[in-house]
Amino acid sequence: MNIDFTFLNKYYMFFINGTKNTIIISIFTVLIGVILGTFLALMKLSKNKILKSIASSYIEFIRGTPVMVQMFIIYYGMNLGLPDYVAGIVTLSINSSAYVAEIIRAGIQAVDKGQMEAARSLGMSHKMAMRYIIIPQAFKNILPALGNEFITVIKESSIVSVIGIPELMYNADTVRGNTFMPFAPLIVAAFIYFVLTFTLSKVVGRVERRMRAGD
């Protein structure tokens, strides 16, 4: 098979702009997903049965349905009138938060119970102990899993192409249609995804090593 990449001379900006949009969408998704996921994890660990039930139901439903179905429900079914970018970020954030919540919950539960007891004995409230003692320790334990989730978000961001957001995969398909080259643009897109995820995995690994060294 003869693969020709000369189309990049004309269409390279499609890939650059698509990559920028992918990165922007992923960053917002990660930030919102972590914030929402943290609240969900704390709700699930709460002694309040109502909060615990709400968080558990939310997590199970989101984890049990495809992200594309969630995208169509939010963008088309709910008819909220959200701009394309906002609808895409909201959907991905909702999906990611359910997985992040389980990661954080497991990390918090992995911290020795004596840490909470020691903090409370020093006069800290439960909220203060969680904020300054438990969650920082849990973060060290869950960093690899969070890194994997962030990498997943970058790859899953391609799903927003189905509602017309010009991220990397959408623009790659546009180039395929314009050039009548079905394969080569996908190789370029795959390489860019690889560079993004590989770089992120190295950054997470470096941060993890530094945190361990600090111990």
Foldseek 3Di string as FASTA:
>chain_A
DDDDPPCCVPQVVLQVVQAVLLVVLLVLLLVLLLVLLQLLLVQCVDPPPVSVVVSVVLLCVLVVDDLLVLLCCQPPVVPPPDPLSVSLSVSSNSSSNSVSNVLLNVLLVPPDPVQQVVCVVVVDDSVRSCVPPRSVNSCLVSLLVSLVSSLVSSVCSLSSVVVPDSHNNVSLVVSCVVVVPPPNSVVVSVVSSCVVSVVSNVVSVVVSVVVVVVD
